[in-house]
C-alpha atoms as a PDB file:
ATOM      1  CA  UNK A   1      -0.084   0.050  -0.034  1.00  0.00           C
ATOM      2  CA  UNK A   2       1.760   3.091  -0.819  1.00  0.00           C
ATOM      3  CA  UNK A   3      -0.101   6.841  -0.580  1.00  0.00           C
ATOM      4  CA  UNK A   4       0.879   9.772  -2.272  1.00  0.00           C
ATOM      5  CA  UNK A   5       0.536  13.266  -1.050  1.00  0.00           C
ATOM      6  CA  UNK A   6      -2.171  15.477  -2.634  1.00  0.00           C
ATOM      7  CA  UNK A   7      -2.942  19.339  -2.487  1.00  0.00           C
ATOM      8  CA  UNK A   8      -5.855  19.738   0.384  1.00  0.00           C
ATOM      9  CA  UNK A   9      -7.627  22.025  -1.469  1.00  0.00           C
ATOM     10  CA  UNK A  10      -7.965  19.805  -4.235  1.00  0.00           C
ATOM     11  CA  UNK A  11     -10.412  17.405  -2.267  1.00  0.00           C
ATOM     12  CA  UNK A  12     -13.917  17.039  -3.160  1.00  0.00           C
ATOM     13  CA  UNK A  13     -15.786  15.575  -0.291  1.00  0.00           C
ATOM     14  CA  UNK A  14     -19.106  16.366   2.322  1.00  0.00           C
ATOM     15  CA  UNK A  15     -17.298  16.824   5.338  1.00  0.00           C
ATOM     16  CA  UNK A  16     -20.578  15.485   7.606  1.00  0.00           C
ATOM     17  CA  UNK A  17     -20.695  12.266   5.705  1.00  0.00           C
ATOM     18  CA  UNK A  18     -17.164  11.869   6.015  1.00  0.00           C
ATOM     19  CA  UNK A  19     -16.871  12.721   9.814  1.00  0.00           C
ATOM     20  CA  UNK A  20     -20.488  11.638  11.120  1.00  0.00           C
ATOM     21  CA  UNK A  21     -21.259   8.726   8.800  1.00  0.00           C
ATOM     22  CA  UNK A  22     -17.932   6.906   8.050  1.00  0.00           C
ATOM     23  CA  UNK A  23     -16.189   8.133  11.164  1.00  0.00           C
ATOM     24  CA  UNK A  24     -12.134   7.808  11.544  1.00  0.00           C
ATOM     25  CA  UNK A  25      -9.127   6.533  13.413  1.00  0.00           C
ATOM     26  CA  UNK A  26      -7.028   9.214  15.451  1.00  0.00           C
ATOM     27  CA  UNK A  27      -3.829   7.723  15.469  1.00  0.00           C
ATOM     28  CA  UNK A  28      -0.353   8.418  17.402  1.00  0.00           C
ATOM     29  CA  UNK A  29       2.978   6.910  18.676  1.00  0.00           C
ATOM     30  CA  UNK A  30       5.515   7.757  21.184  1.00  0.00           C
ATOM     31  CA  UNK A  31       8.791   6.076  21.914  1.00  0.00           C
ATOM     32  CA  UNK A  32       7.905   3.154  19.677  1.00  0.00           C
ATOM     33  CA  UNK A  33       4.351   2.589  20.753  1.00  0.00           C
ATOM     34  CA  UNK A  34       1.704   3.115  18.592  1.00  0.00           C
ATOM     35  CA  UNK A  35      -2.367   3.606  19.416  1.00  0.00           C
ATOM     36  CA  UNK A  36      -5.452   4.834  17.653  1.00  0.00           C
ATOM     37  CA  UNK A  37      -8.945   5.574  18.720  1.00  0.00           C
ATOM     38  CA  UNK A  38     -12.351   6.124  16.998  1.00  0.00           C
ATOM     39  CA  UNK A  39     -13.879   9.079  16.526  1.00  0.00           C
ATOM     40  CA  UNK A  40     -17.301  10.113  14.772  1.00  0.00           C
ATOM     41  CA  UNK A  41     -17.162  13.841  15.735  1.00  0.00           C
ATOM     42  CA  UNK A  42     -14.869  17.085  14.463  1.00  0.00           C
ATOM     43  CA  UNK A  43     -14.519  19.298  12.374  1.00  0.00           C
ATOM     44  CA  UNK A  44     -12.304  20.520   9.239  1.00  0.00           C
ATOM     45  CA  UNK A  45     -11.713  23.730   8.373  1.00  0.00           C
ATOM     46  CA  UNK A  46      -9.170  27.007   8.084  1.00  0.00           C
ATOM     47  CA  UNK A  47      -7.943  28.856  11.411  1.00  0.00           C
ATOM     48  CA  UNK A  48      -4.860  30.554  12.262  1.00  0.00           C
ATOM     49  CA  UNK A  49      -4.026  30.858   8.146  1.00  0.00           C
ATOM     50  CA  UNK A  50      -4.000  27.041   8.649  1.00  0.00           C
ATOM     51  CA  UNK A  51      -5.861  23.902   7.369  1.00  0.00           C
ATOM     52  CA  UNK A  52      -7.016  22.326  10.540  1.00  0.00           C
ATOM     53  CA  UNK A  53      -8.828  19.741  12.126  1.00  0.00           C
ATOM     54  CA  UNK A  54     -11.091  20.060  15.743  1.00  0.00           C
ATOM     55  CA  UNK A  55     -10.503  16.553  17.318  1.00  0.00           C
ATOM     56  CA  UNK A  56     -12.270  15.971  20.901  1.00  0.00           C
ATOM     57  CA  UNK A  57     -10.292  13.595  22.887  1.00  0.00           C
ATOM     58  CA  UNK A  58     -11.332  12.526  26.615  1.00  0.00           C
ATOM     59  CA  UNK A  59      -8.411  13.263  28.711  1.00  0.00           C
ATOM     60  CA  UNK A  60      -8.389   9.407  29.728  1.00  0.00           C
ATOM     61  CA  UNK A  61      -7.558   8.202  25.970  1.00  0.00           C
ATOM     62  CA  UNK A  62      -4.596   6.268  25.801  1.00  0.00           C
ATOM     63  CA  UNK A  63      -4.132   8.225  22.507  1.00  0.00           C
ATOM     64  CA  UNK A  64      -4.157  11.444  24.023  1.00  0.00           C
ATOM     65  CA  UNK A  65      -1.078  10.509  26.266  1.00  0.00           C
ATOM     66  CA  UNK A  66       0.756   9.643  23.058  1.00  0.00           C
ATOM     67  CA  UNK A  67      -0.305  12.873  21.139  1.00  0.00           C
ATOM     68  CA  UNK A  68       0.776  14.867  23.815  1.00  0.00           C
ATOM     69  CA  UNK A  69       4.100  13.493  24.223  1.00  0.00           C
ATOM     70  CA  UNK A  70       4.999  13.507  20.302  1.00  0.00           C
ATOM     71  CA  UNK A  71       2.503  16.312  19.163  1.00  0.00           C
ATOM     72  CA  UNK A  72       2.058  14.360  16.101  1.00  0.00           C
ATOM     73  CA  UNK A  73      -0.913  12.316  14.779  1.00  0.00           C
ATOM     74  CA  UNK A  74      -2.902  11.415  11.817  1.00  0.00           C
ATOM     75  CA  UNK A  75      -6.658  11.025  10.982  1.00  0.00           C
ATOM     76  CA  UNK A  76      -7.581   7.766   8.574  1.00  0.00           C
ATOM     77  CA  UNK A  77     -10.623   7.940   6.605  1.00  0.00           C
ATOM     78  CA  UNK A  78     -12.574   4.958   5.553  1.00  0.00           C
ATOM     79  CA  UNK A  79     -15.379   3.814   3.180  1.00  0.00           C
ATOM     80  CA  UNK A  80     -18.310   3.313   5.062  1.00  0.00           C
ATOM     81  CA  UNK A  81     -18.379  -0.395   5.020  1.00  0.00           C
ATOM     82  CA  UNK A  82     -20.315  -2.394   7.762  1.00  0.00           C
ATOM     83  CA  UNK A  83     -16.723  -4.294   7.749  1.00  0.00           C
ATOM     84  CA  UNK A  84     -15.122  -1.138   8.506  1.00  0.00           C
ATOM     85  CA  UNK A  85     -17.984  -0.059  10.751  1.00  0.00           C
ATOM     86  CA  UNK A  86     -17.088  -3.147  13.007  1.00  0.00           C
ATOM     87  CA  UNK A  87     -13.453  -2.369  12.999  1.00  0.00           C
ATOM     88  CA  UNK A  88     -13.816   1.305  13.954  1.00  0.00           C
ATOM     89  CA  UNK A  89     -16.324   0.028  16.519  1.00  0.00           C
ATOM     90  CA  UNK A  90     -13.907  -2.468  17.870  1.00  0.00           C
ATOM     91  CA  UNK A  91     -10.607  -0.375  17.922  1.00  0.00           C
ATOM     92  CA  UNK A  92     -13.198   2.293  19.939  1.00  0.00           C
ATOM     93  CA  UNK A  93     -14.590   0.053  22.435  1.00  0.00           C
ATOM     94  CA  UNK A  94     -10.912  -1.538  23.459  1.00  0.00           C
ATOM     95  CA  UNK A  95      -7.957  -0.066  25.005  1.00  0.00           C
ATOM     96  CA  UNK A  96      -4.617  -0.973  24.098  1.00  0.00           C
ATOM     97  CA  UNK A  97      -3.689  -0.989  27.981  1.00  0.00           C
ATOM     98  CA  UNK A  98      -5.936  -4.254  27.696  1.00  0.00           C
ATOM     99  CA  UNK A  99      -4.929  -5.974  24.567  1.00  0.00           C
ATOM    100  CA  UNK A 100      -2.886  -5.352  20.960  1.00  0.00           C
ATOM    101  CA  UNK A 101      -6.351  -4.041  19.480  1.00  0.00           C
ATOM    102  CA  UNK A 102      -4.297  -2.591  16.008  1.00  0.00           C
ATOM    103  CA  UNK A 103      -2.548  -6.319  15.648  1.00  0.00           C
ATOM    104  CA  UNK A 104      -5.969  -7.795  16.149  1.00  0.00           C
ATOM    105  CA  UNK A 105      -8.246  -5.560  14.192  1.00  0.00           C
ATOM    106  CA  UNK A 106      -6.283  -6.586  10.808  1.00  0.00           C
ATOM    107  CA  UNK A 107      -5.419  -3.345   9.688  1.00  0.00           C
ATOM    108  CA  UNK A 108      -1.946  -2.171   8.484  1.00  0.00           C
ATOM    109  CA  UNK A 109       0.001   0.662  10.233  1.00  0.00           C
ATOM    110  CA  UNK A 110       2.035   2.375   7.824  1.00  0.00           C
ATOM    111  CA  UNK A 111       3.849   5.629   8.428  1.00  0.00           C
ATOM    112  CA  UNK A 112       5.189   9.187   6.880  1.00  0.00           C
ATOM    113  CA  UNK A 113       7.176  11.529   8.575  1.00  0.00           C
ATOM    114  CA  UNK A 114       7.343   9.331  11.213  1.00  0.00           C
ATOM    115  CA  UNK A 115       3.681   9.522  12.199  1.00  0.00           C
ATOM    116  CA  UNK A 116       1.646   6.472  11.946  1.00  0.00           C
ATOM    117  CA  UNK A 117      -1.650   5.692  10.021  1.00  0.00           C
ATOM    118  CA  UNK A 118      -4.088   2.963   8.856  1.00  0.00           C
ATOM    119  CA  UNK A 119      -2.728   1.792   5.165  1.00  0.00           C
ATOM    120  CA  UNK A 120      -6.803   1.082   4.610  1.00  0.00           C
ATOM    121  CA  UNK A 121      -7.986   4.361   4.322  1.00  0.00           C
ATOM    122  CA  UNK A 122      -9.212   6.539   1.733  1.00  0.00           C
ATOM    123  CA  UNK A 123      -8.012   9.432   2.795  1.00  0.00           C
ATOM    124  CA  UNK A 124      -5.230  10.798   5.594  1.00  0.00           C
ATOM    125  CA  UNK A 125      -4.183  13.730   7.261  1.00  0.00           C
ATOM    126  CA  UNK A 126      -0.729  14.235   9.055  1.00  0.00           C
ATOM    127  CA  UNK A 127      -1.513  16.883  11.450  1.00  0.00           C
ATOM    128  CA  UNK A 128       0.319  18.802  14.737  1.00  0.00           C
ATOM    129  CA  UNK A 129      -1.467  20.263  17.311  1.00  0.00           C
ATOM    130  CA  UNK A 130      -1.200  23.751  17.602  1.00  0.00           C
ATOM    131  CA  UNK A 131      -4.340  24.214  20.568  1.00  0.00           C
ATOM    132  CA  UNK A 132      -5.723  22.210  22.998  1.00  0.00           C
ATOM    133  CA  UNK A 133      -7.921  23.616  25.750  1.00  0.00           C
ATOM    134  CA  UNK A 134     -10.434  21.549  27.933  1.00  0.00           C
ATOM    135  CA  UNK A 135     -13.943  21.908  28.110  1.00  0.00           C
ATOM    136  CA  UNK A 136     -15.828  23.291  30.869  1.00  0.00           C
ATOM    137  CA  UNK A 137     -19.622  23.430  32.380  1.00  0.00           C
ATOM    138  CA  UNK A 138     -19.333  27.099  32.135  1.00  0.00           C
ATOM    139  CA  UNK A 139     -18.829  27.347  28.446  1.00  0.00           C
ATOM    140  CA  UNK A 140     -22.253  25.472  27.205  1.00  0.00           C
ATOM    141  CA  UNK A 141     -24.491  27.842  26.107  1.00  0.00           C
ATOM    142  CA  UNK A 142     -27.042  25.437  25.517  1.00  0.00           C
ATOM    143  CA  UNK A 143     -27.127  22.975  28.887  1.00  0.00           C
ATOM    144  CA  UNK A 144     -28.631  20.567  27.221  1.00  0.00           C
ATOM    145  CA  UNK A 145     -25.882  19.677  25.226  1.00  0.00           C
ATOM    146  CA  UNK A 146     -23.450  19.464  28.427  1.00  0.00           C
ATOM    147  CA  UNK A 147     -26.332  17.345  30.395  1.00  0.00           C
ATOM    148  CA  UNK A 148     -26.583  14.973  27.178  1.00  0.00           C
ATOM    149  CA  UNK A 149     -22.837  14.236  26.650  1.00  0.00           C
ATOM    150  CA  UNK A 150     -21.129  15.026  29.973  1.00  0.00           C
ATOM    151  CA  UNK A 151     -23.928  13.361  32.725  1.00  0.00           C
ATOM    152  CA  UNK A 152     -20.726  12.490  34.572  1.00  0.00           C
ATOM    153  CA  UNK A 153     -18.732  15.884  34.032  1.00  0.00           C
ATOM    154  CA  UNK A 154     -16.167  14.105  32.324  1.00  0.00           C
ATOM    155  CA  UNK A 155     -15.544  16.644  29.692  1.00  0.00           C
ATOM    156  CA  UNK A 156     -13.311  16.288  26.418  1.00  0.00           C
ATOM    157  CA  UNK A 157     -10.173  18.131  25.232  1.00  0.00           C
ATOM    158  CA  UNK A 158     -10.691  20.053  22.209  1.00  0.00           C
ATOM    159  CA  UNK A 159      -7.655  20.158  20.034  1.00  0.00           C
ATOM    160  CA  UNK A 160      -6.618  22.256  16.713  1.00  0.00           C
ATOM    161  CA  UNK A 161      -4.653  20.688  14.659  1.00  0.00           C
ATOM    162  CA  UNK A 162      -2.713  22.031  11.774  1.00  0.00           C
ATOM    163  CA  UNK A 163      -3.086  19.484   8.966  1.00  0.00           C
ATOM    164  CA  UNK A 164       0.230  19.207   7.691  1.00  0.00           C
ATOM    165  CA  UNK A 165      -0.108  16.965   4.728  1.00  0.00           C
ATOM    166  CA  UNK A 166      -3.319  14.573   2.676  1.00  0.00           C
ATOM    167  CA  UNK A 167      -2.319  11.468   1.598  1.00  0.00           C
ATOM    168  CA  UNK A 168      -4.843   9.156  -0.671  1.00  0.00           C
ATOM    169  CA  UNK A 169      -3.533   5.695  -1.741  1.00  0.00           C
ATOM    170  CA  UNK A 170      -1.454   5.429  -5.074  1.00  0.00           C
ATOM    171  CA  UNK A 171      -4.144   3.090  -6.563  1.00  0.00           C
ATOM    172  CA  UNK A 172      -7.549   4.132  -5.010  1.00  0.00           C
ATOM    173  CA  UNK A 173     -10.894   2.680  -5.389  1.00  0.00           C
ATOM    174  CA  UNK A 174     -13.310   4.174  -7.718  1.00  0.00           C
ATOM    175  CA  UNK A 175     -15.356   5.742  -4.639  1.00  0.00           C
ATOM    176  CA  UNK A 176     -12.255   7.294  -3.402  1.00  0.00           C
ATOM    177  CA  UNK A 177     -11.358   8.798  -7.004  1.00  0.00           C
ATOM    178  CA  UNK A 178     -14.450  10.756  -6.587  1.00  0.00           C
ATOM    179  CA  UNK A 179     -13.038  12.491  -3.745  1.00  0.00           C
ATOM    180  CA  UNK A 180     -10.120  13.838  -5.174  1.00  0.00           C
END
């Protein structure tokens, strides 16, 4: 599986479907330890004169420790299939602290610029965090959001990440071609 870099502005996709329907993996490594976590929310846009991704990561996640130590991560997006959803569900519910979940998932870890990403992805963003802040109860203007998502007050940390490279497979599937 070889990937090639593409101009991020050449991408054509629906970000709402890409994130909410297809989900994605946030992957990082530090001192040779690689981990990934599933995400189904986030945002893509432009901030601070950079192409950025907004990510929500709970402080308890092992991947967060790796990101905070390495200051590098990848976002791997997949075809929205039942098989991929099963793998991403598994990766989102099992901790690397408990078992070698990446190995058990059957997915392939590749590296570019010393950043791990998932080889079965249709689109990959390599990222560097540039801002992080914890959510707090006082920041919610709609209390229903806080009540629904944070009944235990276990708030996410918000990361704004500079997307430094966009990658696609060199031999993309027909569906991937429509995104480029």
